[in-house]
């Protein structure tokens, strides 16, 4: 079984040398909203997760969209096991 190296949004953004302001601008949202998403990635919709993936130039599978202390990921109000994202 191959292990995929995965990154938090903050780590991926820093690797790509993009600021929170730049990410927010590219997403068309306020910087505070983007900063909140980095702290609570489980609040990000699948649509926005896909856009973030494109901006960062990383497949969505390499990004972590669930909280460190959570085993669930919210998708359009439904709960999906975080295992589905590994």
Foldseek 3Di string as FASTA:
>chain_A
DDDAAADQLVVLCVVLPHDLCRVCVQVVHDSVVSVVCSQALLPDEPVVLCSSCVVSVHPSLRYQRHHPPDQWHAYPNDTDGSVVSD
